[in-house]
Amino acid sequence: MSFDNGPESFDAAQRDTIYLKRRVRDEADAAARAGSMAATLIHVALATAYAKRCSRDGDQAWIAAHRAW
């Protein structure tokens, strides 16, 4: 975790969160349109990984916004 503070660290965390949310939606959409079970499972695994990362980055965005030091 970075100990940078200020609006730049918050903006970076927000950009990361937005990117990851878009990737989750893209992978979930790809899973729904996949032509085989193997492709579906790959997209579901990727969507899950992005969602977990998005959750952690959302926490980082909150920390960056409320950091006192």
PDB file of N, CA and C in Angstrom:
ATOM      1  N   MET A   1       0.835  -1.171   0.000  1.00  0.00           N
ATOM      2  CA  MET A   1       0.000   0.000   0.000  1.00  0.00           C
ATOM      3  C   MET A   1       0.877   1.229   0.000  1.00  0.00           C
ATOM      4  N   SER A   2       0.530   2.168  -0.799  1.00  0.00           N
ATOM      5  CA  SER A   2       1.266   3.416  -0.883  1.00  0.00           C
ATOM      6  C   SER A   2       0.865   4.330   0.271  1.00  0.00           C
ATOM      7  N   PHE A   3       1.848   5.086   0.776  1.00  0.00           N
ATOM      8  CA  PHE A   3       1.555   6.029   1.845  1.00  0.00           C
ATOM      9  C   PHE A   3       1.483   7.456   1.333  1.00  0.00           C
ATOM     10  N   ASP A   4       1.328   7.617   0.025  1.00  0.00           N
ATOM     11  CA  ASP A   4       1.112   8.944  -0.538  1.00  0.00           C
ATOM     12  C   ASP A   4      -0.247   9.433  -0.084  1.00  0.00           C
ATOM     13  N   ASN A   5      -0.340  10.735   0.083  1.00  0.00           N
ATOM     14  CA  ASN A   5      -1.660  11.266   0.429  1.00  0.00           C
ATOM     15  C   ASN A   5      -1.960  12.450  -0.465  1.00  0.00           C
ATOM     16  N   GLY A   6      -3.166  12.938  -0.353  1.00  0.00           N
ATOM     17  CA  GLY A   6      -3.570  14.053  -1.182  1.00  0.00           C
ATOM     18  C   GLY A   6      -4.511  13.617  -2.275  1.00  0.00           C
ATOM     19  N   PRO A   7      -4.947  14.588  -3.055  1.00  0.00           N
ATOM     20  CA  PRO A   7      -5.930  14.276  -4.101  1.00  0.00           C
ATOM     21  C   PRO A   7      -5.403  13.338  -5.172  1.00  0.00           C
ATOM     22  N   GLU A   8      -4.088  13.332  -5.408  1.00  0.00           N
ATOM     23  CA  GLU A   8      -3.536  12.460  -6.450  1.00  0.00           C
ATOM     24  C   GLU A   8      -3.706  10.990  -6.102  1.00  0.00           C
ATOM     25  N   SER A   9      -3.466  10.630  -4.838  1.00  0.00           N
ATOM     26  CA  SER A   9      -3.602   9.223  -4.461  1.00  0.00           C
ATOM     27  C   SER A   9      -5.066   8.795  -4.509  1.00  0.00           C
ATOM     28  N   PHE A  10      -5.973   9.699  -4.126  1.00  0.00           N
ATOM     29  CA  PHE A  10      -7.397   9.384  -4.202  1.00  0.00           C
ATOM     30  C   PHE A  10      -7.835   9.226  -5.650  1.00  0.00           C
ATOM     31  N   ASP A  11      -7.384  10.130  -6.531  1.00  0.00           N
ATOM     32  CA  ASP A  11      -7.740  10.050  -7.949  1.00  0.00           C
ATOM     33  C   ASP A  11      -7.234   8.759  -8.581  1.00  0.00           C
ATOM     34  N   ALA A  12      -6.015   8.365  -8.240  1.00  0.00           N
ATOM     35  CA  ALA A  12      -5.457   7.119  -8.783  1.00  0.00           C
ATOM     36  C   ALA A  12      -6.271   5.921  -8.311  1.00  0.00           C
ATOM     37  N   ALA A  13      -6.646   5.908  -7.051  1.00  0.00           N
ATOM     38  CA  ALA A  13      -7.442   4.804  -6.514  1.00  0.00           C
ATOM     39  C   ALA A  13      -8.814   4.761  -7.185  1.00  0.00           C
ATOM     40  N   GLN A  14      -9.405   5.921  -7.416  1.00  0.00           N
ATOM     41  CA  GLN A  14     -10.704   5.975  -8.092  1.00  0.00           C
ATOM     42  C   GLN A  14     -10.596   5.461  -9.525  1.00  0.00           C
ATOM     43  N   ARG A  15      -9.553   5.866 -10.251  1.00  0.00           N
ATOM     44  CA  ARG A  15      -9.360   5.390 -11.630  1.00  0.00           C
ATOM     45  C   ARG A  15      -9.196   3.883 -11.664  1.00  0.00           C
ATOM     46  N   ASP A  16      -8.422   3.337 -10.732  1.00  0.00           N
ATOM     47  CA  ASP A  16      -8.237   1.889 -10.679  1.00  0.00           C
ATOM     48  C   ASP A  16      -9.557   1.178 -10.436  1.00  0.00           C
ATOM     49  N   THR A  17     -10.356   1.702  -9.527  1.00  0.00           N
ATOM     50  CA  THR A  17     -11.645   1.094  -9.207  1.00  0.00           C
ATOM     51  C   THR A  17     -12.584   1.127 -10.402  1.00  0.00           C
ATOM     52  N   ILE A  18     -12.630   2.243 -11.106  1.00  0.00           N
ATOM     53  CA  ILE A  18     -13.485   2.362 -12.292  1.00  0.00           C
ATOM     54  C   ILE A  18     -13.047   1.365 -13.361  1.00  0.00           C
ATOM     55  N   TYR A  19     -11.740   1.262 -13.585  1.00  0.00           N
ATOM     56  CA  TYR A  19     -11.214   0.319 -14.577  1.00  0.00           C
ATOM     57  C   TYR A  19     -11.604  -1.112 -14.211  1.00  0.00           C
ATOM     58  N   LEU A  20     -11.421  -1.477 -12.942  1.00  0.00           N
ATOM     59  CA  LEU A  20     -11.712  -2.844 -12.529  1.00  0.00           C
ATOM     60  C   LEU A  20     -13.203  -3.162 -12.620  1.00  0.00           C
ATOM     61  N   LYS A  21     -14.060  -2.204 -12.296  1.00  0.00           N
ATOM     62  CA  LYS A  21     -15.500  -2.431 -12.444  1.00  0.00           C
ATOM     63  C   LYS A  21     -15.863  -2.679 -13.903  1.00  0.00           C
ATOM     64  N   ARG A  22     -15.241  -1.942 -14.800  1.00  0.00           N
ATOM     65  CA  ARG A  22     -15.499  -2.142 -16.233  1.00  0.00           C
ATOM     66  C   ARG A  22     -15.031  -3.524 -16.670  1.00  0.00           C
ATOM     67  N   ARG A  23     -13.882  -3.962 -16.174  1.00  0.00           N
ATOM     68  CA  ARG A  23     -13.367  -5.297 -16.527  1.00  0.00           C
ATOM     69  C   ARG A  23     -14.292  -6.397 -16.007  1.00  0.00           C
ATOM     70  N   VAL A  24     -14.844  -6.218 -14.805  1.00  0.00           N
ATOM     71  CA  VAL A  24     -15.781  -7.212 -14.264  1.00  0.00           C
ATOM     72  C   VAL A  24     -16.984  -7.332 -15.186  1.00  0.00           C
ATOM     73  N   ARG A  25     -17.562  -6.190 -15.587  1.00  0.00           N
ATOM     74  CA  ARG A  25     -18.719  -6.210 -16.489  1.00  0.00           C
ATOM     75  C   ARG A  25     -18.366  -6.846 -17.825  1.00  0.00           C
ATOM     76  N   ASP A  26     -17.197  -6.508 -18.378  1.00  0.00           N
ATOM     77  CA  ASP A  26     -16.792  -7.072 -19.669  1.00  0.00           C
ATOM     78  C   ASP A  26     -16.634  -8.584 -19.593  1.00  0.00           C
ATOM     79  N   GLU A  27     -16.003  -9.062 -18.531  1.00  0.00           N
ATOM     80  CA  GLU A  27     -15.797 -10.515 -18.390  1.00  0.00           C
ATOM     81  C   GLU A  27     -17.123 -11.239 -18.135  1.00  0.00           C
ATOM     82  N   ALA A  28     -17.997 -10.640 -17.348  1.00  0.00           N
ATOM     83  CA  ALA A  28     -19.302 -11.263 -17.107  1.00  0.00           C
ATOM     84  C   ALA A  28     -20.103 -11.330 -18.407  1.00  0.00           C
ATOM     85  N   ASP A  29     -20.034 -10.286 -19.207  1.00  0.00           N
ATOM     86  CA  ASP A  29     -20.718 -10.285 -20.504  1.00  0.00           C
ATOM     87  C   ASP A  29     -20.126 -11.350 -21.424  1.00  0.00           C
ATOM     88  N   ALA A  30     -18.804 -11.449 -21.439  1.00  0.00           N
ATOM     89  CA  ALA A  30     -18.147 -12.458 -22.272  1.00  0.00           C
ATOM     90  C   ALA A  30     -18.525 -13.871 -21.816  1.00  0.00           C
ATOM     91  N   ALA A  31     -18.656 -14.066 -20.510  1.00  0.00           N
ATOM     92  CA  ALA A  31     -19.055 -15.382 -19.993  1.00  0.00           C
ATOM     93  C   ALA A  31     -20.460 -15.741 -20.460  1.00  0.00           C
ATOM     94  N   ALA A  32     -21.335 -14.735 -20.473  1.00  0.00           N
ATOM     95  CA  ALA A  32     -22.711 -14.988 -20.904  1.00  0.00           C
ATOM     96  C   ALA A  32     -22.788 -15.323 -22.391  1.00  0.00           C
ATOM     97  N   ARG A  33     -21.849 -14.809 -23.185  1.00  0.00           N
ATOM     98  CA  ARG A  33     -21.879 -15.037 -24.628  1.00  0.00           C
ATOM     99  C   ARG A  33     -20.939 -16.154 -25.080  1.00  0.00           C
ATOM    100  N   ALA A  34     -20.202 -16.739 -24.166  1.00  0.00           N
ATOM    101  CA  ALA A  34     -19.208 -17.753 -24.539  1.00  0.00           C
ATOM    102  C   ALA A  34     -19.866 -18.944 -25.216  1.00  0.00           C
ATOM    103  N   GLY A  35     -19.154 -19.521 -26.163  1.00  0.00           N
ATOM    104  CA  GLY A  35     -19.703 -20.617 -26.945  1.00  0.00           C
ATOM    105  C   GLY A  35     -19.445 -21.997 -26.374  1.00  0.00           C
ATOM    106  N   SER A  36     -18.638 -22.072 -25.324  1.00  0.00           N
ATOM    107  CA  SER A  36     -18.353 -23.387 -24.747  1.00  0.00           C
ATOM    108  C   SER A  36     -18.261 -23.276 -23.229  1.00  0.00           C
ATOM    109  N   MET A  37     -18.349 -24.406 -22.571  1.00  0.00           N
ATOM    110  CA  MET A  37     -18.253 -24.439 -21.110  1.00  0.00           C
ATOM    111  C   MET A  37     -16.875 -23.974 -20.654  1.00  0.00           C
ATOM    112  N   ALA A  38     -15.834 -24.382 -21.368  1.00  0.00           N
ATOM    113  CA  ALA A  38     -14.471 -23.992 -20.989  1.00  0.00           C
ATOM    114  C   ALA A  38     -14.298 -22.472 -21.069  1.00  0.00           C
ATOM    115  N   ALA A  39     -14.789 -21.870 -22.136  1.00  0.00           N
ATOM    116  CA  ALA A  39     -14.676 -20.422 -22.285  1.00  0.00           C
ATOM    117  C   ALA A  39     -15.479 -19.711 -21.199  1.00  0.00           C
ATOM    118  N   THR A  40     -16.662 -20.232 -20.888  1.00  0.00           N
ATOM    119  CA  THR A  40     -17.485 -19.637 -19.836  1.00  0.00           C
ATOM    120  C   THR A  40     -16.746 -19.659 -18.506  1.00  0.00           C
ATOM    121  N   LEU A  41     -16.159 -20.802 -18.182  1.00  0.00           N
ATOM    122  CA  LEU A  41     -15.455 -20.930 -16.910  1.00  0.00           C
ATOM    123  C   LEU A  41     -14.243 -19.998 -16.832  1.00  0.00           C
ATOM    124  N   ILE A  42     -13.551 -19.812 -17.928  1.00  0.00           N
ATOM    125  CA  ILE A  42     -12.413 -18.899 -17.944  1.00  0.00           C
ATOM    126  C   ILE A  42     -12.885 -17.465 -17.678  1.00  0.00           C
ATOM    127  N   HIS A  43     -13.947 -17.054 -18.341  1.00  0.00           N
ATOM    128  CA  HIS A  43     -14.451 -15.692 -18.145  1.00  0.00           C
ATOM    129  C   HIS A  43     -15.009 -15.490 -16.733  1.00  0.00           C
ATOM    130  N   VAL A  44     -15.648 -16.510 -16.183  1.00  0.00           N
ATOM    131  CA  VAL A  44     -16.164 -16.411 -14.813  1.00  0.00           C
ATOM    132  C   VAL A  44     -14.999 -16.276 -13.833  1.00  0.00           C
ATOM    133  N   ALA A  45     -13.948 -17.044 -14.040  1.00  0.00           N
ATOM    134  CA  ALA A  45     -12.779 -16.945 -13.158  1.00  0.00           C
ATOM    135  C   ALA A  45     -12.148 -15.551 -13.245  1.00  0.00           C
ATOM    136  N   LEU A  46     -12.032 -15.018 -14.444  1.00  0.00           N
ATOM    137  CA  LEU A  46     -11.471 -13.678 -14.604  1.00  0.00           C
ATOM    138  C   LEU A  46     -12.370 -12.620 -13.972  1.00  0.00           C
ATOM    139  N   ALA A  47     -13.673 -12.725 -14.168  1.00  0.00           N
ATOM    140  CA  ALA A  47     -14.609 -11.766 -13.571  1.00  0.00           C
ATOM    141  C   ALA A  47     -14.512 -11.805 -12.050  1.00  0.00           C
ATOM    142  N   THR A  48     -14.392 -12.998 -11.494  1.00  0.00           N
ATOM    143  CA  THR A  48     -14.269 -13.146 -10.049  1.00  0.00           C
ATOM    144  C   THR A  48     -12.980 -12.514  -9.543  1.00  0.00           C
ATOM    145  N   ALA A  49     -11.881 -12.744 -10.244  1.00  0.00           N
ATOM    146  CA  ALA A  49     -10.598 -12.155  -9.841  1.00  0.00           C
ATOM    147  C   ALA A  49     -10.654 -10.632  -9.906  1.00  0.00           C
ATOM    148  N   TYR A  50     -11.224 -10.093 -10.969  1.00  0.00           N
ATOM    149  CA  TYR A  50     -11.357  -8.634 -11.069  1.00  0.00           C
ATOM    150  C   TYR A  50     -12.260  -8.087  -9.965  1.00  0.00           C
ATOM    151  N   ALA A  51     -13.326  -8.799  -9.634  1.00  0.00           N
ATOM    152  CA  ALA A  51     -14.241  -8.339  -8.579  1.00  0.00           C
ATOM    153  C   ALA A  51     -13.530  -8.305  -7.228  1.00  0.00           C
ATOM    154  N   LYS A  52     -12.722  -9.315  -6.941  1.00  0.00           N
ATOM    155  CA  LYS A  52     -11.971  -9.328  -5.686  1.00  0.00           C
ATOM    156  C   LYS A  52     -10.989  -8.167  -5.642  1.00  0.00           C
ATOM    157  N   ARG A  53     -10.303  -7.941  -6.742  1.00  0.00           N
ATOM    158  CA  ARG A  53      -9.348  -6.824  -6.807  1.00  0.00           C
ATOM    159  C   ARG A  53     -10.074  -5.487  -6.693  1.00  0.00           C
ATOM    160  N   CYS A  54     -11.241  -5.392  -7.301  1.00  0.00           N
ATOM    161  CA  CYS A  54     -12.036  -4.164  -7.249  1.00  0.00           C
ATOM    162  C   CYS A  54     -12.437  -3.868  -5.805  1.00  0.00           C
ATOM    163  N   SER A  55     -12.810  -4.885  -5.078  1.00  0.00           N
ATOM    164  CA  SER A  55     -13.191  -4.717  -3.682  1.00  0.00           C
ATOM    165  C   SER A  55     -12.019  -4.188  -2.867  1.00  0.00           C
ATOM    166  N   ARG A  56     -10.836  -4.761  -3.065  1.00  0.00           N
ATOM    167  CA  ARG A  56      -9.647  -4.285  -2.346  1.00  0.00           C
ATOM    168  C   ARG A  56      -9.294  -2.862  -2.750  1.00  0.00           C
ATOM    169  N   ASP A  57      -9.389  -2.538  -4.043  1.00  0.00           N
ATOM    170  CA  ASP A  57      -9.070  -1.190  -4.497  1.00  0.00           C
ATOM    171  C   ASP A  57     -10.104  -0.184  -4.022  1.00  0.00           C
ATOM    172  N   GLY A  58     -11.356  -0.595  -3.888  1.00  0.00           N
ATOM    173  CA  GLY A  58     -12.378   0.280  -3.325  1.00  0.00           C
ATOM    174  C   GLY A  58     -12.045   0.638  -1.894  1.00  0.00           C
ATOM    175  N   ASP A  59     -11.533  -0.331  -1.155  1.00  0.00           N
ATOM    176  CA  ASP A  59     -11.079  -0.060   0.209  1.00  0.00           C
ATOM    177  C   ASP A  59      -9.911   0.920   0.200  1.00  0.00           C
ATOM    178  N   GLN A  60      -9.001   0.750  -0.755  1.00  0.00           N
ATOM    179  CA  GLN A  60      -7.856   1.656  -0.856  1.00  0.00           C
ATOM    180  C   GLN A  60      -8.308   3.072  -1.194  1.00  0.00           C
ATOM    181  N   ALA A  61      -9.322   3.208  -2.036  1.00  0.00           N
ATOM    182  CA  ALA A  61      -9.848   4.533  -2.376  1.00  0.00           C
ATOM    183  C   ALA A  61     -10.433   5.194  -1.138  1.00  0.00           C
ATOM    184  N   TRP A  62     -11.131   4.423  -0.315  1.00  0.00           N
ATOM    185  CA  TRP A  62     -11.695   4.980   0.908  1.00  0.00           C
ATOM    186  C   TRP A  62     -10.578   5.413   1.844  1.00  0.00           C
ATOM    187  N   ILE A  63      -9.559   4.579   1.983  1.00  0.00           N
ATOM    188  CA  ILE A  63      -8.426   4.919   2.848  1.00  0.00           C
ATOM    189  C   ILE A  63      -7.736   6.184   2.347  1.00  0.00           C
ATOM    190  N   ALA A  64      -7.530   6.288   1.038  1.00  0.00           N
ATOM    191  CA  ALA A  64      -6.878   7.465   0.478  1.00  0.00           C
ATOM    192  C   ALA A  64      -7.695   8.722   0.735  1.00  0.00           C
ATOM    193  N   ALA A  65      -9.010   8.614   0.677  1.00  0.00           N
ATOM    194  CA  ALA A  65      -9.870   9.772   0.887  1.00  0.00           C
ATOM    195  C   ALA A  65      -9.914  10.202   2.346  1.00  0.00           C
ATOM    196  N   HIS A  66      -9.708   9.264   3.261  1.00  0.00           N
ATOM    197  CA  HIS A  66      -9.865   9.556   4.686  1.00  0.00           C
ATOM    198  C   HIS A  66      -8.550   9.500   5.457  1.00  0.00           C
ATOM    199  N   ARG A  67      -7.451   9.414   4.744  1.00  0.00           N
ATOM    200  CA  ARG A  67      -6.147   9.314   5.399  1.00  0.00           C
ATOM    201  C   ARG A  67      -5.849  10.605   6.155  1.00  0.00           C
ATOM    202  N   ALA A  68      -5.372  10.460   7.372  1.00  0.00           N
ATOM    203  CA  ALA A  68      -5.123  11.635   8.218  1.00  0.00           C
ATOM    204  C   ALA A  68      -3.654  12.075   8.203  1.00  0.00           C
ATOM    205  N   TRP A  69      -2.733  11.229   7.732  1.00  0.00           N
ATOM    206  CA  TRP A  69      -1.327  11.632   7.766  1.00  0.00           C
ATOM    207  C   TRP A  69      -0.843  12.127   6.450  1.00  0.00           C
TER     208      TRP A  69
END
